Amino acid sequence: QVQLVESGGGLVQAGGSLRLSCAASGRTFSSYAMAWFRQAPGKEREFVAGIDWRSITSYADSVKGRFTISRDNAKKTVYLQMNSLKPEDTALYYCAARGGSFTSWSNDYTYWGQGTQVTVSS
């Protein structure tokens, strides 16, 4: 069983930065594929960024060059550094984990955090 707790969300002006953190429980964190998803009001949940157990990363086109995902296996934490934020990045951001290989399909993820709100003002 894995529990995920996100933090770091908040209100920021366009062009600003935030760093989200996702702290995980469980002994096998280093073997999990981790990902960030987001959901804006009235929209479907969408993939943002992912990182596999080898720290190979993947990003949605909308955030490439602005967001960076990373992991610290010793701290059982995954991060999402978000720079050059835009109003369209406003959403509830979720951390997710799954055993096995990385995928950008939300239905493949077993464990989810409660979400952290990111609001970008124009």
N, C-alpha and C. Protein backbone atom coordinates (compact mmCIF):
# COMPACT_ATOMS: atom_id res chain seq x y z
N GLN A 1 0.85 -1.19 0.00
CA GLN A 1 0.00 0.00 0.00
C GLN A 1 0.89 1.25 0.00
N VAL A 2 0.53 2.21 -0.81
CA VAL A 2 1.28 3.47 -0.91
C VAL A 2 0.34 4.62 -0.64
N GLN A 3 0.75 5.52 0.21
CA GLN A 3 0.00 6.76 0.44
C GLN A 3 0.81 7.92 -0.09
N LEU A 4 0.12 8.84 -0.75
CA LEU A 4 0.77 9.99 -1.38
C LEU A 4 0.18 11.27 -0.82
N VAL A 5 1.05 12.21 -0.46
CA VAL A 5 0.60 13.49 0.09
C VAL A 5 1.29 14.61 -0.67
N GLU A 6 0.48 15.41 -1.39
CA GLU A 6 1.03 16.53 -2.15
C GLU A 6 1.09 17.79 -1.29
N SER A 7 2.00 18.67 -1.66
CA SER A 7 2.09 19.99 -1.02
C SER A 7 2.76 20.95 -1.99
N GLY A 8 2.68 22.24 -1.66
CA GLY A 8 3.38 23.23 -2.46
C GLY A 8 2.52 24.06 -3.38
N GLY A 9 1.25 23.74 -3.46
CA GLY A 9 0.37 24.54 -4.31
C GLY A 9 0.14 25.92 -3.72
N GLY A 10 -0.50 26.79 -4.52
CA GLY A 10 -0.79 28.12 -4.04
C GLY A 10 -1.20 29.04 -5.16
N LEU A 11 -1.23 30.34 -4.83
CA LEU A 11 -1.59 31.37 -5.79
C LEU A 11 -0.32 32.09 -6.23
N VAL A 12 -0.15 32.23 -7.54
CA VAL A 12 1.05 32.87 -8.08
C VAL A 12 0.66 33.69 -9.30
N GLN A 13 1.40 34.74 -9.57
CA GLN A 13 1.14 35.54 -10.76
C GLN A 13 1.73 34.85 -11.98
N ALA A 14 1.17 35.17 -13.12
CA ALA A 14 1.69 34.63 -14.37
C ALA A 14 3.17 34.98 -14.50
N GLY A 15 3.94 33.99 -14.96
CA GLY A 15 5.38 34.15 -15.06
C GLY A 15 6.14 33.68 -13.83
N GLY A 16 5.42 33.42 -12.77
CA GLY A 16 6.04 32.98 -11.53
C GLY A 16 6.34 31.49 -11.50
N SER A 17 6.80 31.03 -10.35
CA SER A 17 7.20 29.63 -10.18
C SER A 17 6.61 29.04 -8.91
N LEU A 18 6.41 27.75 -8.94
CA LEU A 18 6.03 26.96 -7.76
C LEU A 18 6.74 25.63 -7.84
N ARG A 19 6.97 25.01 -6.69
CA ARG A 19 7.48 23.64 -6.67
C ARG A 19 6.51 22.79 -5.86
N LEU A 20 5.97 21.80 -6.52
CA LEU A 20 5.11 20.84 -5.85
C LEU A 20 5.93 19.66 -5.34
N SER A 21 5.51 19.13 -4.21
CA SER A 21 6.15 17.94 -3.66
C SER A 21 5.10 16.87 -3.44
N CYS A 22 5.52 15.63 -3.55
CA CYS A 22 4.64 14.49 -3.29
C CYS A 22 5.43 13.50 -2.44
N ALA A 23 5.04 13.41 -1.17
CA ALA A 23 5.71 12.50 -0.25
C ALA A 23 4.98 11.16 -0.23
N ALA A 24 5.73 10.09 -0.35
CA ALA A 24 5.14 8.76 -0.44
C ALA A 24 5.53 7.89 0.74
N SER A 25 4.63 7.01 1.10
CA SER A 25 4.95 5.98 2.09
C SER A 25 5.21 4.69 1.32
N GLY A 26 5.67 3.67 1.99
CA GLY A 26 5.89 2.40 1.32
C GLY A 26 7.36 2.12 1.11
N ARG A 27 7.71 0.84 1.14
CA ARG A 27 9.12 0.45 1.09
C ARG A 27 9.67 0.35 -0.31
N THR A 28 8.80 0.33 -1.31
CA THR A 28 9.27 0.09 -2.67
C THR A 28 9.14 1.31 -3.55
N PHE A 29 9.21 2.50 -2.96
CA PHE A 29 9.03 3.74 -3.72
C PHE A 29 9.97 3.79 -4.91
N SER A 30 11.21 3.38 -4.74
CA SER A 30 12.20 3.52 -5.80
C SER A 30 11.84 2.74 -7.06
N SER A 31 10.99 1.75 -6.93
CA SER A 31 10.61 0.94 -8.08
C SER A 31 9.34 1.43 -8.77
N TYR A 32 8.70 2.43 -8.22
CA TYR A 32 7.43 2.91 -8.77
C TYR A 32 7.65 3.95 -9.86
N ALA A 33 6.79 3.90 -10.86
CA ALA A 33 6.66 5.00 -11.79
C ALA A 33 5.77 6.05 -11.14
N MET A 34 6.17 7.31 -11.24
CA MET A 34 5.44 8.40 -10.61
C MET A 34 5.01 9.40 -11.66
N ALA A 35 3.91 10.07 -11.42
CA ALA A 35 3.43 11.04 -12.40
C ALA A 35 2.64 12.14 -11.72
N TRP A 36 2.57 13.25 -12.41
CA TRP A 36 1.69 14.36 -12.01
C TRP A 36 0.60 14.50 -13.08
N PHE A 37 -0.61 14.63 -12.60
CA PHE A 37 -1.75 14.93 -13.45
C PHE A 37 -2.40 16.21 -12.93
N ARG A 38 -3.24 16.81 -13.73
CA ARG A 38 -3.97 17.98 -13.27
C ARG A 38 -5.38 17.98 -13.84
N GLN A 39 -6.26 18.65 -13.12
CA GLN A 39 -7.64 18.75 -13.57
C GLN A 39 -8.17 20.14 -13.27
N ALA A 40 -8.56 20.82 -14.32
CA ALA A 40 -9.17 22.13 -14.20
C ALA A 40 -10.68 21.98 -14.14
N PRO A 41 -11.38 22.95 -13.57
CA PRO A 41 -12.85 22.85 -13.48
C PRO A 41 -13.48 22.65 -14.84
N GLY A 42 -14.36 21.67 -14.94
CA GLY A 42 -15.06 21.39 -16.19
C GLY A 42 -14.24 20.67 -17.24
N LYS A 43 -13.03 20.28 -16.88
CA LYS A 43 -12.17 19.59 -17.85
C LYS A 43 -11.78 18.22 -17.32
N GLU A 44 -11.33 17.37 -18.23
CA GLU A 44 -10.88 16.04 -17.84
C GLU A 44 -9.48 16.12 -17.22
N ARG A 45 -9.18 15.12 -16.41
CA ARG A 45 -7.85 15.03 -15.84
C ARG A 45 -6.85 14.78 -16.96
N GLU A 46 -5.71 15.48 -16.92
CA GLU A 46 -4.72 15.33 -17.98
C GLU A 46 -3.33 15.09 -17.40
N PHE A 47 -2.55 14.37 -18.18
CA PHE A 47 -1.17 14.07 -17.82
C PHE A 47 -0.32 15.34 -17.91
N VAL A 48 0.57 15.52 -16.94
CA VAL A 48 1.48 16.66 -16.93
C VAL A 48 2.92 16.20 -17.12
N ALA A 49 3.38 15.30 -16.25
CA ALA A 49 4.77 14.84 -16.30
C ALA A 49 4.88 13.52 -15.58
N GLY A 50 5.87 12.72 -15.98
CA GLY A 50 6.08 11.42 -15.36
C GLY A 50 7.55 11.08 -15.27
N ILE A 51 7.87 10.18 -14.35
CA ILE A 51 9.26 9.76 -14.17
C ILE A 51 9.26 8.29 -13.78
N ASP A 52 10.10 7.51 -14.43
CA ASP A 52 10.11 6.09 -14.09
C ASP A 52 11.20 5.80 -13.08
N TRP A 53 11.40 4.50 -12.79
CA TRP A 53 12.33 4.13 -11.71
C TRP A 53 13.78 4.44 -12.07
N ARG A 54 14.04 4.62 -13.39
CA ARG A 54 15.39 4.97 -13.82
C ARG A 54 15.56 6.48 -13.92
N SER A 55 14.51 7.21 -13.51
CA SER A 55 14.49 8.68 -13.59
C SER A 55 14.44 9.18 -15.03
N ILE A 56 13.94 8.36 -15.92
CA ILE A 56 13.64 8.83 -17.28
C ILE A 56 12.31 9.56 -17.22
N THR A 57 12.28 10.74 -17.84
CA THR A 57 11.13 11.63 -17.69
C THR A 57 10.34 11.79 -18.98
N SER A 58 9.10 12.21 -18.82
CA SER A 58 8.23 12.49 -19.95
C SER A 58 7.32 13.66 -19.58
N TYR A 59 6.99 14.49 -20.57
CA TYR A 59 6.19 15.68 -20.31
C TYR A 59 5.10 15.86 -21.35
N ALA A 60 4.01 16.46 -20.92
CA ALA A 60 3.00 16.90 -21.87
C ALA A 60 3.57 18.05 -22.69
N ASP A 61 3.15 18.15 -23.93
CA ASP A 61 3.67 19.21 -24.79
C ASP A 61 3.43 20.60 -24.20
N SER A 62 2.32 20.75 -23.49
CA SER A 62 1.94 22.06 -22.97
C SER A 62 2.87 22.57 -21.86
N VAL A 63 3.67 21.67 -21.28
CA VAL A 63 4.54 22.09 -20.17
C VAL A 63 6.02 21.88 -20.48
N LYS A 64 6.34 21.32 -21.61
CA LYS A 64 7.75 21.07 -21.96
C LYS A 64 8.53 22.37 -21.95
N GLY A 65 9.71 22.33 -21.34
CA GLY A 65 10.55 23.50 -21.26
C GLY A 65 10.22 24.42 -20.09
N ARG A 66 9.08 24.18 -19.44
CA ARG A 66 8.69 25.02 -18.29
C ARG A 66 8.65 24.23 -16.98
N PHE A 67 8.25 22.97 -17.06
CA PHE A 67 8.13 22.13 -15.87
C PHE A 67 9.24 21.08 -15.86
N THR A 68 9.66 20.71 -14.65
CA THR A 68 10.66 19.67 -14.48
C THR A 68 10.23 18.73 -13.37
N ILE A 69 10.17 17.44 -13.68
CA ILE A 69 9.85 16.45 -12.67
C ILE A 69 11.15 15.78 -12.21
N SER A 70 11.22 15.48 -10.94
CA SER A 70 12.40 14.80 -10.39
C SER A 70 11.96 13.96 -9.19
N ARG A 71 12.85 13.08 -8.77
CA ARG A 71 12.54 12.24 -7.62
C ARG A 71 13.76 12.10 -6.74
N ASP A 72 13.51 11.94 -5.45
CA ASP A 72 14.54 11.67 -4.47
C ASP A 72 14.12 10.39 -3.75
N ASN A 73 14.71 9.28 -4.13
CA ASN A 73 14.28 7.99 -3.58
C ASN A 73 14.60 7.87 -2.10
N ALA A 74 15.67 8.51 -1.64
CA ALA A 74 16.01 8.46 -0.22
C ALA A 74 14.94 9.15 0.61
N LYS A 75 14.34 10.19 0.06
CA LYS A 75 13.28 10.92 0.78
C LYS A 75 11.89 10.44 0.38
N LYS A 76 11.82 9.50 -0.55
CA LYS A 76 10.54 8.99 -1.04
C LYS A 76 9.64 10.15 -1.49
N THR A 77 10.21 11.02 -2.26
CA THR A 77 9.50 12.23 -2.68
C THR A 77 9.72 12.47 -4.17
N VAL A 78 8.67 12.91 -4.82
CA VAL A 78 8.76 13.36 -6.20
C VAL A 78 8.38 14.83 -6.25
N TYR A 79 9.05 15.57 -7.13
CA TYR A 79 8.86 17.00 -7.21
C TYR A 79 8.39 17.41 -8.61
N LEU A 80 7.72 18.53 -8.66
CA LEU A 80 7.38 19.15 -9.93
C LEU A 80 7.73 20.63 -9.82
N GLN A 81 8.82 21.01 -10.47
CA GLN A 81 9.21 22.41 -10.51
C GLN A 81 8.50 23.05 -11.69
N MET A 82 7.73 24.09 -11.40
CA MET A 82 6.93 24.73 -12.43
C MET A 82 7.38 26.18 -12.58
N ASN A 83 7.90 26.50 -13.74
CA ASN A 83 8.38 27.85 -14.04
C ASN A 83 7.54 28.46 -15.15
N SER A 84 7.64 29.77 -15.29
CA SER A 84 6.92 30.50 -16.34
C SER A 84 5.45 30.10 -16.37
N LEU A 85 4.85 30.12 -15.22
CA LEU A 85 3.47 29.67 -15.10
C LEU A 85 2.51 30.58 -15.87
N LYS A 86 1.48 29.96 -16.41
CA LYS A 86 0.46 30.65 -17.20
C LYS A 86 -0.91 30.45 -16.54
N PRO A 87 -1.84 31.36 -16.79
CA PRO A 87 -3.19 31.17 -16.23
C PRO A 87 -3.80 29.82 -16.60
N GLU A 88 -3.48 29.30 -17.77
CA GLU A 88 -4.04 28.01 -18.18
C GLU A 88 -3.44 26.83 -17.43
N ASP A 89 -2.42 27.08 -16.60
CA ASP A 89 -1.89 26.02 -15.73
C ASP A 89 -2.71 25.87 -14.45
N THR A 90 -3.67 26.76 -14.25
CA THR A 90 -4.52 26.68 -13.06
C THR A 90 -5.29 25.38 -13.04
N ALA A 91 -5.15 24.63 -11.95
CA ALA A 91 -5.80 23.32 -11.85
C ALA A 91 -5.51 22.72 -10.48
N LEU A 92 -6.19 21.63 -10.19
CA LEU A 92 -5.85 20.79 -9.05
C LEU A 92 -4.84 19.76 -9.53
N TYR A 93 -3.68 19.75 -8.90
CA TYR A 93 -2.59 18.88 -9.34
C TYR A 93 -2.53 17.64 -8.44
N TYR A 94 -2.49 16.48 -9.09
CA TYR A 94 -2.46 15.21 -8.39
C TYR A 94 -1.15 14.47 -8.66
N CYS A 95 -0.66 13.83 -7.62
CA CYS A 95 0.46 12.92 -7.73
C CYS A 95 -0.09 11.49 -7.82
N ALA A 96 0.54 10.66 -8.64
CA ALA A 96 0.07 9.29 -8.81
C ALA A 96 1.26 8.33 -8.89
N ALA A 97 1.03 7.10 -8.49
CA ALA A 97 2.09 6.09 -8.49
C ALA A 97 1.56 4.76 -9.00
N ARG A 98 2.44 4.02 -9.65
CA ARG A 98 2.10 2.67 -10.08
C ARG A 98 3.35 1.82 -10.10
N GLY A 99 3.18 0.55 -9.84
CA GLY A 99 4.29 -0.37 -10.01
C GLY A 99 4.45 -0.65 -11.49
N GLY A 100 5.67 -0.91 -11.92
CA GLY A 100 5.87 -1.21 -13.32
C GLY A 100 6.31 -0.01 -14.12
N SER A 101 6.14 -0.10 -15.42
CA SER A 101 6.67 0.92 -16.32
C SER A 101 5.82 2.18 -16.30
N PHE A 102 6.40 3.24 -16.83
CA PHE A 102 5.71 4.52 -16.89
C PHE A 102 4.62 4.49 -17.96
N THR A 103 3.56 5.21 -17.70
CA THR A 103 2.49 5.42 -18.67
C THR A 103 1.88 6.78 -18.41
N SER A 104 1.34 7.41 -19.42
CA SER A 104 0.68 8.71 -19.26
C SER A 104 -0.84 8.57 -19.16
N TRP A 105 -1.30 7.34 -19.03
CA TRP A 105 -2.73 7.06 -18.96
C TRP A 105 -3.16 6.99 -17.50
N SER A 106 -4.03 7.87 -17.08
CA SER A 106 -4.36 7.97 -15.66
C SER A 106 -4.98 6.69 -15.11
N ASN A 107 -5.73 5.97 -15.93
CA ASN A 107 -6.36 4.74 -15.45
C ASN A 107 -5.36 3.65 -15.07
N ASP A 108 -4.12 3.80 -15.49
CA ASP A 108 -3.10 2.80 -15.18
C ASP A 108 -2.50 2.99 -13.79
N TYR A 109 -2.81 4.12 -13.16
CA TYR A 109 -2.19 4.42 -11.87
C TYR A 109 -3.06 3.91 -10.73
N THR A 110 -2.40 3.27 -9.77
CA THR A 110 -3.08 2.62 -8.66
C THR A 110 -3.29 3.56 -7.48
N TYR A 111 -2.29 4.37 -7.21
CA TYR A 111 -2.30 5.20 -6.01
C TYR A 111 -2.35 6.68 -6.39
N TRP A 112 -3.15 7.42 -5.63
CA TRP A 112 -3.35 8.84 -5.90
C TRP A 112 -3.31 9.65 -4.61
N GLY A 113 -2.78 10.86 -4.70
CA GLY A 113 -2.86 11.79 -3.59
C GLY A 113 -4.18 12.54 -3.63
N GLN A 114 -4.34 13.45 -2.67
CA GLN A 114 -5.60 14.18 -2.55
C GLN A 114 -5.62 15.43 -3.43
N GLY A 115 -4.48 15.82 -3.95
CA GLY A 115 -4.40 16.97 -4.83
C GLY A 115 -3.98 18.24 -4.11
N THR A 116 -3.34 19.12 -4.85
CA THR A 116 -2.97 20.44 -4.33
C THR A 116 -3.32 21.48 -5.39
N GLN A 117 -3.95 22.56 -4.96
CA GLN A 117 -4.46 23.55 -5.91
C GLN A 117 -3.37 24.52 -6.34
N VAL A 118 -3.29 24.73 -7.64
CA VAL A 118 -2.40 25.74 -8.21
C VAL A 118 -3.28 26.75 -8.95
N THR A 119 -3.14 28.01 -8.59
CA THR A 119 -3.90 29.08 -9.24
C THR A 119 -2.93 30.12 -9.74
N VAL A 120 -3.01 30.41 -11.04
CA VAL A 120 -2.12 31.38 -11.68
C VAL A 120 -2.96 32.57 -12.13
N SER A 121 -2.67 33.72 -11.59
CA SER A 121 -3.43 34.92 -11.95
C SER A 121 -2.75 35.66 -13.09
N SER A 122 -3.57 36.31 -13.91
CA SER A 122 -3.03 37.03 -15.07
C SER A 122 -2.68 38.47 -14.72
